[in-house]
Structure formats: C-alpha cells, structure tokens
C-alpha cells in the first residue's frame, strides 16, 4: 500500500507564500505523476498542478505564474511553492500520485492539508 502524507499548510495573509510538501512511501516501483489538487468549501475538488515524469508540469489557469510544482524523484516527494496567495486559494490541498507497485498501477491520495488565506 502506498501512503501519501502532506505537510506545510497553515494560515497566511493575502500576498504571502507557503510551501507544501508531500512524501510517498510504500512498495513503490515507479511514480508516473504526482499532482496537487484542492477543494474549497462547497466546491468540487480541482487539479492545481501536475508533475508528470515524462513531460512538463501543468497548472490550472488560476495559479499560473504564482504556484510552482517540483518533485524529488529519489525521495518520492512533491512540493508546491505557492506565492502571492489570494483568499480564493483557501482550500484543503491534497497530494495525489499514480504509482506502480508489485500489484500494478493505482491512484493514491493523501488526507490533505488546510491552507487558509485571510487577514
């Protein structure tokens, strides 16, 4: 079983920055992609940033130029650097990966970390 654990959420003022971290552990053979999703109160979960192993990162239009996703392929980690945060970025942020283990590929999710952008 693959486990994802997020960290780095918290309360920040508009215009501030936060860096989220995610680590994947377990019998991982390969991770095809690591993503960050978010879900705001009353809204559907949405893809924020994606870091495929074989292509360039992709971002939601709402965060382009403000957020940056990166990966540590050795440690199976993903990071989300969030700059110039806005109140609309308030949400629970979830780490996701599509990874292969001895039993085949599957989707895995973390439990989320809360980001609150407020005065």
Protein backbone atom coordinates (compact mmCIF):
# COMPACT_ATOMS: atom_id res chain seq x y z
CA UNK A 1 0.00 0.00 0.00
CA UNK A 2 1.28 3.44 -0.93
CA UNK A 3 0.77 6.23 1.58
CA UNK A 4 0.91 9.95 0.85
CA UNK A 5 1.42 12.48 3.62
CA UNK A 6 1.11 16.22 3.07
CA UNK A 7 2.52 18.98 5.23
CA UNK A 8 3.07 22.73 5.13
CA UNK A 9 -0.45 24.10 5.27
CA UNK A 10 -1.48 26.89 7.55
CA UNK A 11 -2.80 30.42 7.85
CA UNK A 12 -1.23 33.10 5.69
CA UNK A 13 -2.15 36.65 4.78
CA UNK A 14 -3.02 37.65 1.21
CA UNK A 15 0.15 38.14 -0.79
CA UNK A 16 2.06 35.69 1.36
CA UNK A 17 3.70 32.38 0.49
CA UNK A 18 3.54 28.78 1.62
CA UNK A 19 5.35 25.64 0.56
CA UNK A 20 3.50 22.35 0.68
CA UNK A 21 5.32 19.04 0.81
CA UNK A 22 4.15 15.52 0.04
CA UNK A 23 6.01 12.28 0.58
CA UNK A 24 5.00 8.92 -0.88
CA UNK A 25 6.01 5.79 1.00
CA UNK A 26 5.45 2.08 0.48
CA UNK A 27 6.45 -0.61 -2.02
CA UNK A 28 6.74 1.84 -4.92
CA UNK A 29 8.25 0.67 -8.16
CA UNK A 30 7.53 3.79 -10.19
CA UNK A 31 5.54 7.02 -9.90
CA UNK A 32 4.15 8.22 -13.21
CA UNK A 33 2.80 11.51 -11.93
CA UNK A 34 2.43 13.48 -8.73
CA UNK A 35 -0.24 16.16 -8.51
CA UNK A 36 -1.71 18.69 -6.17
CA UNK A 37 -5.48 19.09 -6.01
CA UNK A 38 -7.55 21.36 -3.81
CA UNK A 39 -11.10 21.51 -2.58
CA UNK A 40 -12.63 24.69 -1.26
CA UNK A 41 -15.76 24.66 0.92
CA UNK A 42 -18.82 23.95 -1.18
CA UNK A 43 -16.80 23.31 -4.33
CA UNK A 44 -15.57 20.32 -6.24
CA UNK A 45 -12.02 19.09 -5.98
CA UNK A 46 -9.87 20.62 -8.73
CA UNK A 47 -6.45 19.97 -10.16
CA UNK A 48 -4.00 22.71 -9.21
CA UNK A 49 -0.68 21.46 -10.57
CA UNK A 50 0.60 18.28 -12.14
CA UNK A 51 4.16 16.97 -12.47
CA UNK A 52 4.31 14.01 -14.85
CA UNK A 53 7.58 12.12 -15.02
CA UNK A 54 7.73 12.32 -18.80
CA UNK A 55 6.55 15.84 -19.55
CA UNK A 56 6.49 19.41 -18.35
CA UNK A 57 4.45 20.49 -15.33
CA UNK A 58 0.96 21.79 -15.91
CA UNK A 59 -1.01 24.31 -13.91
CA UNK A 60 -4.57 25.46 -13.51
CA UNK A 61 -5.06 28.87 -15.10
CA UNK A 62 -5.93 30.35 -11.73
CA UNK A 63 -2.47 29.61 -10.31
CA UNK A 64 -0.19 30.06 -13.33
CA UNK A 65 2.68 32.37 -12.53
CA UNK A 66 2.07 32.09 -8.78
CA UNK A 67 2.48 28.38 -7.99
CA UNK A 68 5.35 26.05 -8.84
CA UNK A 69 5.34 22.27 -8.55
CA UNK A 70 8.52 20.26 -8.23
CA UNK A 71 9.49 16.69 -7.48
CA UNK A 72 12.30 14.81 -5.81
CA UNK A 73 12.43 11.59 -7.81
CA UNK A 74 14.82 9.88 -5.42
CA UNK A 75 12.83 10.53 -2.25
CA UNK A 76 9.38 10.26 -3.91
CA UNK A 77 8.43 13.75 -2.82
CA UNK A 78 6.47 16.55 -4.40
CA UNK A 79 6.39 20.19 -3.44
CA UNK A 80 4.05 23.05 -4.21
CA UNK A 81 5.51 26.52 -3.79
CA UNK A 82 2.63 28.96 -3.55
CA UNK A 83 3.35 32.67 -3.88
CA UNK A 84 1.17 35.77 -3.89
CA UNK A 85 -1.62 33.82 -2.24
CA UNK A 86 -5.18 35.07 -2.55
CA UNK A 87 -8.24 34.41 -0.37
CA UNK A 88 -9.59 32.32 -3.25
CA UNK A 89 -6.72 29.89 -2.72
CA UNK A 90 -8.20 28.87 0.62
CA UNK A 91 -8.85 25.14 0.45
CA UNK A 92 -7.75 21.72 1.58
CA UNK A 93 -4.84 20.72 -0.63
CA UNK A 94 -4.46 17.06 -1.50
CA UNK A 95 -1.46 15.24 -2.88
CA UNK A 96 -2.18 12.56 -5.48
CA UNK A 97 0.01 10.13 -7.36
CA UNK A 98 -0.39 7.41 -9.96
CA UNK A 99 2.14 4.81 -8.95
CA UNK A 100 3.06 1.23 -9.66
CA UNK A 101 3.68 -1.40 -7.03
CA UNK A 102 4.06 -5.16 -7.28
CA UNK A 103 0.31 -5.45 -7.76
CA UNK A 104 0.13 -2.95 -10.60
CA UNK A 105 -0.59 0.78 -11.04
CA UNK A 106 -3.15 2.65 -8.98
CA UNK A 107 -4.20 6.08 -7.81
CA UNK A 108 -3.30 7.18 -4.30
CA UNK A 109 -4.38 10.19 -2.24
CA UNK A 110 -3.19 11.91 0.87
CA UNK A 111 -5.54 13.13 3.59
CA UNK A 112 -4.96 16.78 2.79
CA UNK A 113 -3.54 19.87 4.40
CA UNK A 114 -5.55 23.03 5.02
CA UNK A 115 -4.44 26.34 3.53
CA UNK A 116 -6.24 29.44 4.75
CA UNK A 117 -5.54 32.81 3.17
CA UNK A 118 -7.03 35.57 5.27
CA UNK A 119 -6.31 38.83 7.05
